[in-house]
Amino acid sequence: TGTPEGVVTAAPGSTWLQTDSTTDVKGWIRWVKATGTGSTGWVAGPEADTGWRNVSADLLNGWKVNAVDGGIMVRRVGNVVTLQLHVYDGTVSTDIWAAPVGFRPSKTTYFHVSHVTTGAAIGGGYWSTGGGIQRYNSNAAAYNTLTVVTSNAWPSSLPGSAA
């Protein structure tokens, strides 16, 4: 039971099946020993899946949920993180949301923002390696789906609520 990271010593290529997982929609995570011969260097297997998480309650600075499109949702499968961003009216700041460790991109990712009705590009933003998602202009909408690769360790807990 539990994650092997920092606990189980093994050679590279070893596997560990965690059957008590609360951080995977299947209830288990397969871990693979990627590096070293000590107790660190374990990586969650590619089939590890957090399921969609609704993190709309964690929006920052006056950003609001577009109820039709579901607000802000995040999912991690293996080392790939997908973010659906459907929010509007950030009147105080361009800061929209801060992704927790385990859901942050390996490289800052820039994106265009499209108008919800016309699909026309109306601006842009970025998702930093520190987790922050920012829109270049405040008091506007942010409609986008982003997919990034993460080098973060598998999260020890899940953000938001199951969607």
C-alpha atoms as a PDB file:
ATOM      1  CA  THR A   1       0.000   0.000   0.000  1.00  0.00           C
ATOM      2  CA  GLY A   2       1.042   3.592  -0.484  1.00  0.00           C
ATOM      3  CA  THR A   3       3.446   5.236  -2.869  1.00  0.00           C
ATOM      4  CA  PRO A   4       6.889   3.621  -3.138  1.00  0.00           C
ATOM      5  CA  GLU A   5       8.644   7.013  -3.569  1.00  0.00           C
ATOM      6  CA  GLY A   6      11.124   7.458  -0.719  1.00  0.00           C
ATOM      7  CA  VAL A   7      10.060   4.128   0.834  1.00  0.00           C
ATOM      8  CA  VAL A   8      10.861   1.165  -1.431  1.00  0.00           C
ATOM      9  CA  THR A   9      14.416   0.477  -2.620  1.00  0.00           C
ATOM     10  CA  ALA A  10      14.603  -1.174  -6.030  1.00  0.00           C
ATOM     11  CA  ALA A  11      16.551  -1.369  -9.291  1.00  0.00           C
ATOM     12  CA  PRO A  12      15.509   0.615 -12.384  1.00  0.00           C
ATOM     13  CA  GLY A  13      12.713  -1.134 -14.289  1.00  0.00           C
ATOM     14  CA  SER A  14      11.060  -2.491 -11.126  1.00  0.00           C
ATOM     15  CA  THR A  15       7.310  -1.999 -10.747  1.00  0.00           C
ATOM     16  CA  TRP A  16       5.057  -1.367  -7.759  1.00  0.00           C
ATOM     17  CA  LEU A  17       1.275  -1.631  -7.708  1.00  0.00           C
ATOM     18  CA  GLN A  18      -0.344   0.786  -5.258  1.00  0.00           C
ATOM     19  CA  THR A  19      -3.813  -0.597  -4.564  1.00  0.00           C
ATOM     20  CA  ASP A  20      -4.968   1.915  -1.948  1.00  0.00           C
ATOM     21  CA  SER A  21      -4.800   5.006  -4.146  1.00  0.00           C
ATOM     22  CA  THR A  22      -7.044   7.971  -3.520  1.00  0.00           C
ATOM     23  CA  THR A  23      -5.279   9.909  -6.282  1.00  0.00           C
ATOM     24  CA  ASP A  24      -6.459   7.846  -9.247  1.00  0.00           C
ATOM     25  CA  VAL A  25      -9.939   7.196 -10.617  1.00  0.00           C
ATOM     26  CA  LYS A  26      -9.231   3.446 -10.847  1.00  0.00           C
ATOM     27  CA  GLY A  27      -8.231   3.163  -7.199  1.00  0.00           C
ATOM     28  CA  TRP A  28      -4.741   1.945  -8.045  1.00  0.00           C
ATOM     29  CA  ILE A  29      -1.529   3.273  -9.593  1.00  0.00           C
ATOM     30  CA  ARG A  30       1.267   1.282 -11.226  1.00  0.00           C
ATOM     31  CA  TRP A  31       4.670   2.804 -10.441  1.00  0.00           C
ATOM     32  CA  VAL A  32       7.876   2.204 -12.422  1.00  0.00           C
ATOM     33  CA  LYS A  33      11.373   2.707 -11.003  1.00  0.00           C
ATOM     34  CA  ALA A  34      12.852   5.106 -13.551  1.00  0.00           C
ATOM     35  CA  THR A  35      16.198   6.101 -12.025  1.00  0.00           C
ATOM     36  CA  GLY A  36      18.714   5.121  -9.359  1.00  0.00           C
ATOM     37  CA  THR A  37      18.908   2.122  -7.065  1.00  0.00           C
ATOM     38  CA  GLY A  38      17.719   3.801  -3.856  1.00  0.00           C
ATOM     39  CA  SER A  39      14.186   4.531  -2.714  1.00  0.00           C
ATOM     40  CA  THR A  40      13.647   7.577  -4.961  1.00  0.00           C
ATOM     41  CA  GLY A  41      13.128   7.773  -8.708  1.00  0.00           C
ATOM     42  CA  TRP A  42       9.683   6.130  -8.880  1.00  0.00           C
ATOM     43  CA  VAL A  43       7.308   7.468 -11.561  1.00  0.00           C
ATOM     44  CA  ALA A  44       3.558   6.892 -11.836  1.00  0.00           C
ATOM     45  CA  GLY A  45       2.791   4.662 -14.824  1.00  0.00           C
ATOM     46  CA  PRO A  46       1.310   6.067 -18.041  1.00  0.00           C
ATOM     47  CA  GLU A  47      -2.163   4.713 -17.237  1.00  0.00           C
ATOM     48  CA  ALA A  48      -2.390   6.671 -13.966  1.00  0.00           C
ATOM     49  CA  ASP A  49      -5.436   8.968 -14.274  1.00  0.00           C
ATOM     50  CA  THR A  50      -6.781  11.576 -11.848  1.00  0.00           C
ATOM     51  CA  GLY A  51     -10.050  11.877 -13.770  1.00  0.00           C
ATOM     52  CA  TRP A  52     -11.496  15.316 -14.451  1.00  0.00           C
ATOM     53  CA  ARG A  53     -11.287  17.645 -11.447  1.00  0.00           C
ATOM     54  CA  ASN A  54     -13.453  20.759 -11.165  1.00  0.00           C
ATOM     55  CA  VAL A  55     -11.252  23.471  -9.649  1.00  0.00           C
ATOM     56  CA  SER A  56     -13.615  26.391 -10.318  1.00  0.00           C
ATOM     57  CA  ALA A  57     -13.839  27.135  -6.584  1.00  0.00           C
ATOM     58  CA  ASP A  58     -10.135  28.049  -6.683  1.00  0.00           C
ATOM     59  CA  LEU A  59     -10.449  30.828  -9.280  1.00  0.00           C
ATOM     60  CA  LEU A  60      -8.608  34.007  -8.329  1.00  0.00           C
ATOM     61  CA  ASN A  61      -9.334  37.728  -8.372  1.00  0.00           C
ATOM     62  CA  GLY A  62     -12.923  38.010  -9.503  1.00  0.00           C
ATOM     63  CA  TRP A  63     -12.774  35.482 -12.335  1.00  0.00           C
ATOM     64  CA  LYS A  64     -16.156  33.817 -12.741  1.00  0.00           C
ATOM     65  CA  VAL A  65     -17.349  30.459 -14.021  1.00  0.00           C
ATOM     66  CA  ASN A  66     -19.225  30.233 -17.285  1.00  0.00           C
ATOM     67  CA  ALA A  67     -21.927  27.844 -16.079  1.00  0.00           C
ATOM     68  CA  VAL A  68     -22.685  26.608 -19.604  1.00  0.00           C
ATOM     69  CA  ASP A  69     -19.123  25.458 -20.265  1.00  0.00           C
ATOM     70  CA  GLY A  70     -18.114  24.187 -16.834  1.00  0.00           C
ATOM     71  CA  GLY A  71     -15.629  26.742 -15.470  1.00  0.00           C
ATOM     72  CA  ILE A  72     -12.140  25.350 -15.044  1.00  0.00           C
ATOM     73  CA  MET A  73     -11.363  21.639 -15.146  1.00  0.00           C
ATOM     74  CA  VAL A  74      -8.034  19.808 -14.966  1.00  0.00           C
ATOM     75  CA  ARG A  75      -7.004  16.195 -15.552  1.00  0.00           C
ATOM     76  CA  ARG A  76      -3.707  14.335 -15.434  1.00  0.00           C
ATOM     77  CA  VAL A  77      -3.122  11.046 -17.279  1.00  0.00           C
ATOM     78  CA  GLY A  78       0.422   9.763 -16.847  1.00  0.00           C
ATOM     79  CA  ASN A  79       2.602  12.842 -17.379  1.00  0.00           C
ATOM     80  CA  VAL A  80       0.062  14.732 -19.543  1.00  0.00           C
ATOM     81  CA  VAL A  81      -2.100  17.476 -18.012  1.00  0.00           C
ATOM     82  CA  THR A  82      -5.179  18.856 -19.780  1.00  0.00           C
ATOM     83  CA  LEU A  83      -6.838  22.069 -18.668  1.00  0.00           C
ATOM     84  CA  GLN A  84     -10.228  23.316 -19.842  1.00  0.00           C
ATOM     85  CA  LEU A  85     -10.482  27.018 -19.114  1.00  0.00           C
ATOM     86  CA  HIS A  86     -13.926  28.630 -19.517  1.00  0.00           C
ATOM     87  CA  VAL A  87     -14.027  31.734 -17.331  1.00  0.00           C
ATOM     88  CA  TYR A  88     -14.766  35.457 -17.646  1.00  0.00           C
ATOM     89  CA  ASP A  89     -14.700  38.869 -15.962  1.00  0.00           C
ATOM     90  CA  GLY A  90     -11.372  39.051 -14.189  1.00  0.00           C
ATOM     91  CA  THR A  91     -11.920  42.641 -13.119  1.00  0.00           C
ATOM     92  CA  VAL A  92      -9.199  42.855 -10.500  1.00  0.00           C
ATOM     93  CA  SER A  93      -6.262  40.976 -11.975  1.00  0.00           C
ATOM     94  CA  THR A  94      -5.048  38.922 -14.891  1.00  0.00           C
ATOM     95  CA  ASP A  95      -4.219  36.048 -12.498  1.00  0.00           C
ATOM     96  CA  ILE A  96      -6.815  33.330 -13.136  1.00  0.00           C
ATOM     97  CA  TRP A  97      -5.758  30.163 -11.278  1.00  0.00           C
ATOM     98  CA  ALA A  98      -2.704  28.564  -9.681  1.00  0.00           C
ATOM     99  CA  ALA A  99      -2.204  24.894 -10.524  1.00  0.00           C
ATOM    100  CA  PRO A 100      -0.942  22.809  -7.602  1.00  0.00           C
ATOM    101  CA  VAL A 101       2.238  20.745  -7.786  1.00  0.00           C
ATOM    102  CA  GLY A 102       1.535  17.642  -9.837  1.00  0.00           C
ATOM    103  CA  PHE A 103      -0.416  19.618 -12.455  1.00  0.00           C
ATOM    104  CA  ARG A 104       2.145  22.211 -13.592  1.00  0.00           C
ATOM    105  CA  PRO A 105       3.668  22.317 -17.088  1.00  0.00           C
ATOM    106  CA  SER A 106       7.338  21.458 -17.638  1.00  0.00           C
ATOM    107  CA  LYS A 107       7.657  24.539 -19.834  1.00  0.00           C
ATOM    108  CA  THR A 108       5.769  27.836 -19.762  1.00  0.00           C
ATOM    109  CA  THR A 109       2.954  27.508 -22.298  1.00  0.00           C
ATOM    110  CA  TYR A 110       1.465  30.459 -24.177  1.00  0.00           C
ATOM    111  CA  PHE A 111      -2.034  30.380 -25.631  1.00  0.00           C
ATOM    112  CA  HIS A 112      -4.565  32.374 -27.617  1.00  0.00           C
ATOM    113  CA  VAL A 113      -7.930  33.084 -26.110  1.00  0.00           C
ATOM    114  CA  SER A 114     -10.980  32.818 -28.346  1.00  0.00           C
ATOM    115  CA  HIS A 115     -14.355  34.495 -28.019  1.00  0.00           C
ATOM    116  CA  VAL A 116     -16.968  31.987 -26.850  1.00  0.00           C
ATOM    117  CA  THR A 117     -19.518  32.853 -29.536  1.00  0.00           C
ATOM    118  CA  THR A 118     -17.511  33.822 -32.611  1.00  0.00           C
ATOM    119  CA  GLY A 119     -14.321  31.831 -32.049  1.00  0.00           C
ATOM    120  CA  ALA A 120     -12.301  34.948 -32.936  1.00  0.00           C
ATOM    121  CA  ALA A 121      -8.949  35.401 -31.179  1.00  0.00           C
ATOM    122  CA  ILE A 122      -9.326  38.145 -28.568  1.00  0.00           C
ATOM    123  CA  GLY A 123      -6.045  37.935 -26.701  1.00  0.00           C
ATOM    124  CA  GLY A 124      -3.713  35.519 -25.034  1.00  0.00           C
ATOM    125  CA  GLY A 125      -2.201  34.267 -21.849  1.00  0.00           C
ATOM    126  CA  TYR A 126       0.274  31.842 -20.400  1.00  0.00           C
ATOM    127  CA  TRP A 127       0.589  28.932 -17.963  1.00  0.00           C
ATOM    128  CA  SER A 128       3.898  29.101 -16.099  1.00  0.00           C
ATOM    129  CA  THR A 129       6.019  26.301 -14.668  1.00  0.00           C
ATOM    130  CA  GLY A 130       5.182  27.741 -11.228  1.00  0.00           C
ATOM    131  CA  GLY A 131       1.533  26.873 -11.887  1.00  0.00           C
ATOM    132  CA  GLY A 132       0.139  30.356 -12.457  1.00  0.00           C
ATOM    133  CA  ILE A 133      -2.312  30.888 -15.306  1.00  0.00           C
ATOM    134  CA  GLN A 134      -2.553  34.485 -16.439  1.00  0.00           C
ATOM    135  CA  ARG A 135      -4.543  36.335 -19.064  1.00  0.00           C
ATOM    136  CA  TYR A 136      -2.827  39.298 -20.721  1.00  0.00           C
ATOM    137  CA  ASN A 137      -5.883  41.534 -20.307  1.00  0.00           C
ATOM    138  CA  SER A 138      -8.128  41.603 -17.282  1.00  0.00           C
ATOM    139  CA  ASN A 139     -11.898  42.053 -17.474  1.00  0.00           C
ATOM    140  CA  ALA A 140     -12.242  39.670 -20.385  1.00  0.00           C
ATOM    141  CA  ALA A 141     -13.016  36.042 -21.074  1.00  0.00           C
ATOM    142  CA  ALA A 142     -10.641  33.097 -21.241  1.00  0.00           C
ATOM    143  CA  TYR A 143     -11.876  30.128 -23.286  1.00  0.00           C
ATOM    144  CA  ASN A 144      -9.325  27.501 -24.139  1.00  0.00           C
ATOM    145  CA  THR A 145      -8.226  23.892 -23.752  1.00  0.00           C
ATOM    146  CA  LEU A 146      -4.538  23.350 -23.060  1.00  0.00           C
ATOM    147  CA  THR A 147      -2.576  20.100 -22.995  1.00  0.00           C
ATOM    148  CA  VAL A 148       0.932  20.089 -21.539  1.00  0.00           C
ATOM    149  CA  VAL A 149       3.546  17.611 -20.350  1.00  0.00           C
ATOM    150  CA  THR A 150       4.561  17.762 -16.695  1.00  0.00           C
ATOM    151  CA  SER A 151       7.729  16.627 -14.984  1.00  0.00           C
ATOM    152  CA  ASN A 152       6.063  17.049 -11.564  1.00  0.00           C
ATOM    153  CA  ALA A 153       5.794  14.004  -9.326  1.00  0.00           C
ATOM    154  CA  TRP A 154       2.374  12.375  -9.115  1.00  0.00           C
ATOM    155  CA  PRO A 155       0.204  14.482  -6.771  1.00  0.00           C
ATOM    156  CA  SER A 156      -0.251  13.266  -3.212  1.00  0.00           C
ATOM    157  CA  SER A 157      -3.763  14.733  -3.148  1.00  0.00           C
ATOM    158  CA  LEU A 158      -6.214  15.891  -5.796  1.00  0.00           C
ATOM    159  CA  PRO A 159      -7.407  19.475  -6.231  1.00  0.00           C
ATOM    160  CA  GLY A 160     -11.054  20.509  -6.421  1.00  0.00           C
ATOM    161  CA  SER A 161     -13.820  17.952  -6.733  1.00  0.00           C
ATOM    162  CA  ALA A 162     -14.457  15.015  -9.032  1.00  0.00           C
ATOM    163  CA  ALA A 163     -16.313  16.098 -12.168  1.00  0.00           C
END
